Amino acid sequence: MKLLHTWTRRLAATLLAAGLSPMAHAYYWTSAGSTGTLDETTAATDVLPSQVTMSGPYATLKSTATLNGLYVIRYNVTDVFDKHYTFTPTLEMRFLDSSDTTRVQAVLRAYNTATGVLRTVASLDSNSFPASGAYQTQISCSTANQWFNDFLKEVYYVEVTMSRSATTGSASVASLRIDECVW
């Protein structure tokens, strides 16, 4: 009888835990920094080599990159959520921004394929956080940004822009994640 009671409690606890698991974390999108596509102005040409190195999980701005240049990488967001799912998105980025002269910005964009309207869904700017010589993971979560993702009408991508205004400092992105903002 005691064994049956113990088994019943464990089963009840398991079912309760399964029922309380937030759906928000069942669907999230991730990407390594090196899997993005370099913008035409950032990619290598016959005349100019690429100003961004893509290696391992990292996309890193080269120390020889032109000062005050904007180097853009785009990450296609695939439908891992649900066809029609409304939520407040969290944009998470693991990045390196080692000085006040470097910057890494990530913007989640939605492009409506019928109307051509491009809108910003969420954004994160490394300059909103203290510079660090170590990679850091930061999250942008705003209740003002309700996202009704509709992959039948819109395409989504994250646009990362890296820049430097002096020869000192390093800028890099290691990973990106889109999830639901949980308050």
C-alpha atoms as a PDB file:
ATOM      1  CA  MET A   1       0.000   0.000   0.000  1.00  0.00           C
ATOM      2  CA  LYS A   2       2.837   2.403   0.855  1.00  0.00           C
ATOM      3  CA  LEU A   3       4.497   1.652  -2.502  1.00  0.00           C
ATOM      4  CA  LEU A   4       1.243   2.445  -4.354  1.00  0.00           C
ATOM      5  CA  HIS A   5       0.868   5.703  -2.382  1.00  0.00           C
ATOM      6  CA  THR A   6       4.463   6.729  -3.231  1.00  0.00           C
ATOM      7  CA  TRP A   7       3.942   5.869  -6.899  1.00  0.00           C
ATOM      8  CA  THR A   8       0.693   7.844  -7.015  1.00  0.00           C
ATOM      9  CA  ARG A   9       2.374  10.915  -5.447  1.00  0.00           C
ATOM     10  CA  ARG A  10       5.223  10.753  -7.972  1.00  0.00           C
ATOM     11  CA  LEU A  11       2.809  10.433 -10.878  1.00  0.00           C
ATOM     12  CA  ALA A  12       0.735  13.349  -9.581  1.00  0.00           C
ATOM     13  CA  ALA A  13       3.875  15.465  -9.135  1.00  0.00           C
ATOM     14  CA  THR A  14       5.027  14.638 -12.665  1.00  0.00           C
ATOM     15  CA  LEU A  15       1.646  15.499 -14.178  1.00  0.00           C
ATOM     16  CA  LEU A  16       1.472  18.714 -12.180  1.00  0.00           C
ATOM     17  CA  ALA A  17       4.965  19.732 -13.303  1.00  0.00           C
ATOM     18  CA  ALA A  18       4.100  18.936 -16.927  1.00  0.00           C
ATOM     19  CA  GLY A  19       0.901  20.968 -16.688  1.00  0.00           C
ATOM     20  CA  LEU A  20       2.661  23.957 -15.141  1.00  0.00           C
ATOM     21  CA  SER A  21       5.525  24.068 -17.645  1.00  0.00           C
ATOM     22  CA  PRO A  22       5.236  27.389 -19.454  1.00  0.00           C
ATOM     23  CA  MET A  23       4.488  27.018 -23.145  1.00  0.00           C
ATOM     24  CA  ALA A  24       6.649  30.045 -23.829  1.00  0.00           C
ATOM     25  CA  HIS A  25       9.785  28.034 -23.392  1.00  0.00           C
ATOM     26  CA  ALA A  26       8.587  25.166 -25.565  1.00  0.00           C
ATOM     27  CA  TYR A  27       9.160  27.315 -28.657  1.00  0.00           C
ATOM     28  CA  TYR A  28      12.254  29.423 -29.073  1.00  0.00           C
ATOM     29  CA  TRP A  29      14.546  30.258 -31.952  1.00  0.00           C
ATOM     30  CA  THR A  30      18.346  30.267 -31.649  1.00  0.00           C
ATOM     31  CA  SER A  31      21.319  30.873 -33.899  1.00  0.00           C
ATOM     32  CA  ALA A  32      25.092  30.831 -33.602  1.00  0.00           C
ATOM     33  CA  GLY A  33      26.773  34.090 -34.548  1.00  0.00           C
ATOM     34  CA  SER A  34      28.637  32.536 -37.488  1.00  0.00           C
ATOM     35  CA  THR A  35      25.513  31.237 -39.261  1.00  0.00           C
ATOM     36  CA  GLY A  36      24.321  34.621 -40.493  1.00  0.00           C
ATOM     37  CA  THR A  37      24.583  35.990 -43.999  1.00  0.00           C
ATOM     38  CA  LEU A  38      26.875  38.963 -44.515  1.00  0.00           C
ATOM     39  CA  ASP A  39      25.279  42.007 -46.141  1.00  0.00           C
ATOM     40  CA  GLU A  40      26.587  42.818 -49.621  1.00  0.00           C
ATOM     41  CA  THR A  41      28.499  45.796 -48.240  1.00  0.00           C
ATOM     42  CA  THR A  42      30.109  43.619 -45.532  1.00  0.00           C
ATOM     43  CA  ALA A  43      30.968  40.545 -47.599  1.00  0.00           C
ATOM     44  CA  ALA A  44      34.265  40.140 -49.425  1.00  0.00           C
ATOM     45  CA  THR A  45      34.569  41.452 -52.984  1.00  0.00           C
ATOM     46  CA  ASP A  46      37.291  41.197 -55.621  1.00  0.00           C
ATOM     47  CA  VAL A  47      38.667  44.512 -54.353  1.00  0.00           C
ATOM     48  CA  LEU A  48      38.045  44.388 -50.602  1.00  0.00           C
ATOM     49  CA  PRO A  49      38.218  41.430 -48.190  1.00  0.00           C
ATOM     50  CA  SER A  50      35.387  40.882 -45.712  1.00  0.00           C
ATOM     51  CA  GLN A  51      35.557  43.021 -42.586  1.00  0.00           C
ATOM     52  CA  VAL A  52      33.904  40.279 -40.490  1.00  0.00           C
ATOM     53  CA  THR A  53      35.358  36.880 -39.611  1.00  0.00           C
ATOM     54  CA  MET A  54      32.905  33.967 -39.340  1.00  0.00           C
ATOM     55  CA  SER A  55      34.510  31.209 -37.273  1.00  0.00           C
ATOM     56  CA  GLY A  56      33.076  28.621 -34.887  1.00  0.00           C
ATOM     57  CA  PRO A  57      30.017  30.187 -33.283  1.00  0.00           C
ATOM     58  CA  TYR A  58      31.435  33.727 -33.657  1.00  0.00           C
ATOM     59  CA  ALA A  59      31.000  36.591 -36.086  1.00  0.00           C
ATOM     60  CA  THR A  60      33.780  39.033 -35.211  1.00  0.00           C
ATOM     61  CA  LEU A  61      34.546  42.486 -36.535  1.00  0.00           C
ATOM     62  CA  LYS A  62      38.145  42.516 -37.760  1.00  0.00           C
ATOM     63  CA  SER A  63      40.570  44.892 -36.085  1.00  0.00           C
ATOM     64  CA  THR A  64      41.339  46.275 -39.568  1.00  0.00           C
ATOM     65  CA  ALA A  65      37.691  47.178 -40.252  1.00  0.00           C
ATOM     66  CA  THR A  66      37.169  50.689 -41.530  1.00  0.00           C
ATOM     67  CA  LEU A  67      36.429  53.149 -38.732  1.00  0.00           C
ATOM     68  CA  ASN A  68      32.802  54.319 -38.530  1.00  0.00           C
ATOM     69  CA  GLY A  69      31.723  51.632 -41.002  1.00  0.00           C
ATOM     70  CA  LEU A  70      28.545  49.649 -40.353  1.00  0.00           C
ATOM     71  CA  TYR A  71      28.957  45.892 -40.825  1.00  0.00           C
ATOM     72  CA  VAL A  72      25.671  44.016 -41.169  1.00  0.00           C
ATOM     73  CA  ILE A  73      24.841  40.319 -40.744  1.00  0.00           C
ATOM     74  CA  ARG A  74      21.321  38.928 -41.214  1.00  0.00           C
ATOM     75  CA  TYR A  75      19.876  35.824 -39.548  1.00  0.00           C
ATOM     76  CA  ASN A  76      16.745  34.249 -41.038  1.00  0.00           C
ATOM     77  CA  VAL A  77      14.172  33.392 -38.355  1.00  0.00           C
ATOM     78  CA  THR A  78      12.444  30.092 -39.059  1.00  0.00           C
ATOM     79  CA  ASP A  79       9.017  29.067 -37.789  1.00  0.00           C
ATOM     80  CA  VAL A  80       9.675  27.157 -34.578  1.00  0.00           C
ATOM     81  CA  PHE A  81       6.809  28.808 -32.731  1.00  0.00           C
ATOM     82  CA  ASP A  82       3.326  28.218 -34.103  1.00  0.00           C
ATOM     83  CA  LYS A  83       1.681  29.541 -37.241  1.00  0.00           C
ATOM     84  CA  HIS A  84      -0.264  32.171 -35.292  1.00  0.00           C
ATOM     85  CA  TYR A  85       1.101  32.825 -31.848  1.00  0.00           C
ATOM     86  CA  THR A  86       0.882  36.179 -30.090  1.00  0.00           C
ATOM     87  CA  PHE A  87       3.484  36.991 -27.454  1.00  0.00           C
ATOM     88  CA  THR A  88       5.908  39.642 -26.250  1.00  0.00           C
ATOM     89  CA  PRO A  89       9.301  38.666 -27.659  1.00  0.00           C
ATOM     90  CA  THR A  90      12.588  38.559 -25.816  1.00  0.00           C
ATOM     91  CA  LEU A  91      15.669  39.167 -27.924  1.00  0.00           C
ATOM     92  CA  GLU A  92      18.738  37.666 -26.257  1.00  0.00           C
ATOM     93  CA  MET A  93      22.275  38.154 -27.562  1.00  0.00           C
ATOM     94  CA  ARG A  94      25.660  36.892 -26.391  1.00  0.00           C
ATOM     95  CA  PHE A  95      28.171  39.458 -27.573  1.00  0.00           C
ATOM     96  CA  LEU A  96      31.547  41.051 -27.020  1.00  0.00           C
ATOM     97  CA  ASP A  97      31.779  44.832 -26.832  1.00  0.00           C
ATOM     98  CA  SER A  98      35.034  45.631 -25.086  1.00  0.00           C
ATOM     99  CA  SER A  99      35.085  49.429 -25.217  1.00  0.00           C
ATOM    100  CA  ASP A 100      33.102  52.613 -25.713  1.00  0.00           C
ATOM    101  CA  THR A 101      34.414  52.731 -29.287  1.00  0.00           C
ATOM    102  CA  THR A 102      32.705  49.501 -30.425  1.00  0.00           C
ATOM    103  CA  ARG A 103      29.043  48.589 -30.729  1.00  0.00           C
ATOM    104  CA  VAL A 104      26.887  45.538 -31.495  1.00  0.00           C
ATOM    105  CA  GLN A 105      23.191  46.058 -32.263  1.00  0.00           C
ATOM    106  CA  ALA A 106      20.562  43.370 -32.934  1.00  0.00           C
ATOM    107  CA  VAL A 107      17.119  44.126 -34.373  1.00  0.00           C
ATOM    108  CA  LEU A 108      14.309  41.608 -34.947  1.00  0.00           C
ATOM    109  CA  ARG A 109      12.466  42.721 -38.075  1.00  0.00           C
ATOM    110  CA  ALA A 110       9.212  41.655 -39.738  1.00  0.00           C
ATOM    111  CA  TYR A 111       8.639  42.148 -43.467  1.00  0.00           C
ATOM    112  CA  ASN A 112       5.066  41.873 -44.753  1.00  0.00           C
ATOM    113  CA  THR A 113       5.242  40.091 -48.113  1.00  0.00           C
ATOM    114  CA  ALA A 114       1.895  41.523 -49.324  1.00  0.00           C
ATOM    115  CA  THR A 115       2.339  45.186 -48.368  1.00  0.00           C
ATOM    116  CA  GLY A 116       6.129  45.563 -48.272  1.00  0.00           C
ATOM    117  CA  VAL A 117       5.956  47.125 -44.799  1.00  0.00           C
ATOM    118  CA  LEU A 118       9.066  46.532 -42.700  1.00  0.00           C
ATOM    119  CA  ARG A 119       8.710  46.901 -38.926  1.00  0.00           C
ATOM    120  CA  THR A 120      10.915  46.522 -35.879  1.00  0.00           C
ATOM    121  CA  VAL A 121       9.669  43.910 -33.413  1.00  0.00           C
ATOM    122  CA  ALA A 122      12.487  43.995 -30.823  1.00  0.00           C
ATOM    123  CA  SER A 123      16.000  45.395 -30.478  1.00  0.00           C
ATOM    124  CA  LEU A 124      19.071  45.136 -28.276  1.00  0.00           C
ATOM    125  CA  ASP A 125      22.059  47.499 -28.199  1.00  0.00           C
ATOM    126  CA  SER A 126      25.394  46.607 -26.546  1.00  0.00           C
ATOM    127  CA  ASN A 127      25.881  50.276 -25.663  1.00  0.00           C
ATOM    128  CA  SER A 128      22.978  49.925 -23.202  1.00  0.00           C
ATOM    129  CA  PHE A 129      25.285  47.787 -21.036  1.00  0.00           C
ATOM    130  CA  PRO A 130      28.772  48.334 -19.595  1.00  0.00           C
ATOM    131  CA  ALA A 131      31.652  47.492 -21.923  1.00  0.00           C
ATOM    132  CA  SER A 132      33.467  44.272 -21.021  1.00  0.00           C
ATOM    133  CA  GLY A 133      36.503  42.354 -22.254  1.00  0.00           C
ATOM    134  CA  ALA A 134      34.489  39.135 -21.761  1.00  0.00           C
ATOM    135  CA  TYR A 135      31.466  37.917 -23.676  1.00  0.00           C
ATOM    136  CA  GLN A 136      28.178  38.780 -21.967  1.00  0.00           C
ATOM    137  CA  THR A 137      24.606  37.655 -22.511  1.00  0.00           C
ATOM    138  CA  GLN A 138      21.936  40.343 -22.333  1.00  0.00           C
ATOM    139  CA  ILE A 139      18.184  40.336 -22.889  1.00  0.00           C
ATOM    140  CA  SER A 140      15.812  42.936 -24.296  1.00  0.00           C
ATOM    141  CA  CYS A 141      12.209  42.531 -23.209  1.00  0.00           C
ATOM    142  CA  SER A 142       9.583  45.227 -23.774  1.00  0.00           C
ATOM    143  CA  THR A 143       5.877  44.853 -23.100  1.00  0.00           C
ATOM    144  CA  ALA A 144       5.278  47.519 -25.756  1.00  0.00           C
ATOM    145  CA  ASN A 145       6.234  45.000 -28.449  1.00  0.00           C
ATOM    146  CA  GLN A 146       3.432  42.489 -28.922  1.00  0.00           C
ATOM    147  CA  TRP A 147       4.414  40.090 -31.685  1.00  0.00           C
ATOM    148  CA  PHE A 148       1.768  38.292 -33.664  1.00  0.00           C
ATOM    149  CA  ASN A 149       4.016  36.076 -35.697  1.00  0.00           C
ATOM    150  CA  ASP A 150       2.347  35.027 -38.919  1.00  0.00           C
ATOM    151  CA  PHE A 151       4.767  33.165 -41.132  1.00  0.00           C
ATOM    152  CA  LEU A 152       2.100  32.974 -43.845  1.00  0.00           C
ATOM    153  CA  LYS A 153       2.094  36.780 -44.267  1.00  0.00           C
ATOM    154  CA  GLU A 154       5.483  37.925 -42.981  1.00  0.00           C
ATOM    155  CA  VAL A 155       9.131  36.897 -43.043  1.00  0.00           C
ATOM    156  CA  TYR A 156      11.307  37.552 -40.012  1.00  0.00           C
ATOM    157  CA  TYR A 157      15.016  38.103 -39.541  1.00  0.00           C
ATOM    158  CA  VAL A 158      17.471  39.437 -37.001  1.00  0.00           C
ATOM    159  CA  GLU A 159      19.822  42.085 -38.311  1.00  0.00           C
ATOM    160  CA  VAL A 160      23.081  42.490 -36.386  1.00  0.00           C
ATOM    161  CA  THR A 161      25.187  45.589 -37.014  1.00  0.00           C
ATOM    162  CA  MET A 162      28.727  45.916 -35.665  1.00  0.00           C
ATOM    163  CA  SER A 163      30.779  49.089 -35.742  1.00  0.00           C
ATOM    164  CA  ARG A 164      33.882  50.726 -34.344  1.00  0.00           C
ATOM    165  CA  SER A 165      34.833  54.393 -34.046  1.00  0.00           C
ATOM    166  CA  ALA A 166      38.509  53.857 -33.055  1.00  0.00           C
ATOM    167  CA  THR A 167      41.199  51.223 -33.551  1.00  0.00           C
ATOM    168  CA  THR A 168      40.811  49.990 -29.969  1.00  0.00           C
ATOM    169  CA  GLY A 169      38.173  47.559 -28.775  1.00  0.00           C
ATOM    170  CA  SER A 170      36.599  44.348 -30.056  1.00  0.00           C
ATOM    171  CA  ALA A 171      33.082  43.594 -31.302  1.00  0.00           C
ATOM    172  CA  SER A 172      31.598  40.145 -31.851  1.00  0.00           C
ATOM    173  CA  VAL A 173      28.344  38.190 -31.650  1.00  0.00           C
ATOM    174  CA  ALA A 174      28.283  34.572 -30.452  1.00  0.00           C
ATOM    175  CA  SER A 175      24.578  33.712 -30.271  1.00  0.00           C
ATOM    176  CA  LEU A 176      21.038  34.991 -30.661  1.00  0.00           C
ATOM    177  CA  ARG A 177      17.762  33.751 -29.181  1.00  0.00           C
ATOM    178  CA  ILE A 178      14.125  34.765 -29.502  1.00  0.00           C
ATOM    179  CA  ASP A 179      11.810  33.628 -26.737  1.00  0.00           C
ATOM    180  CA  GLU A 180       8.755  34.856 -24.904  1.00  0.00           C
ATOM    181  CA  CYS A 181       9.193  37.630 -22.367  1.00  0.00           C
ATOM    182  CA  VAL A 182       8.080  36.268 -18.998  1.00  0.00           C
ATOM    183  CA  TRP A 183       7.407  38.831 -16.272  1.00  0.00           C
END
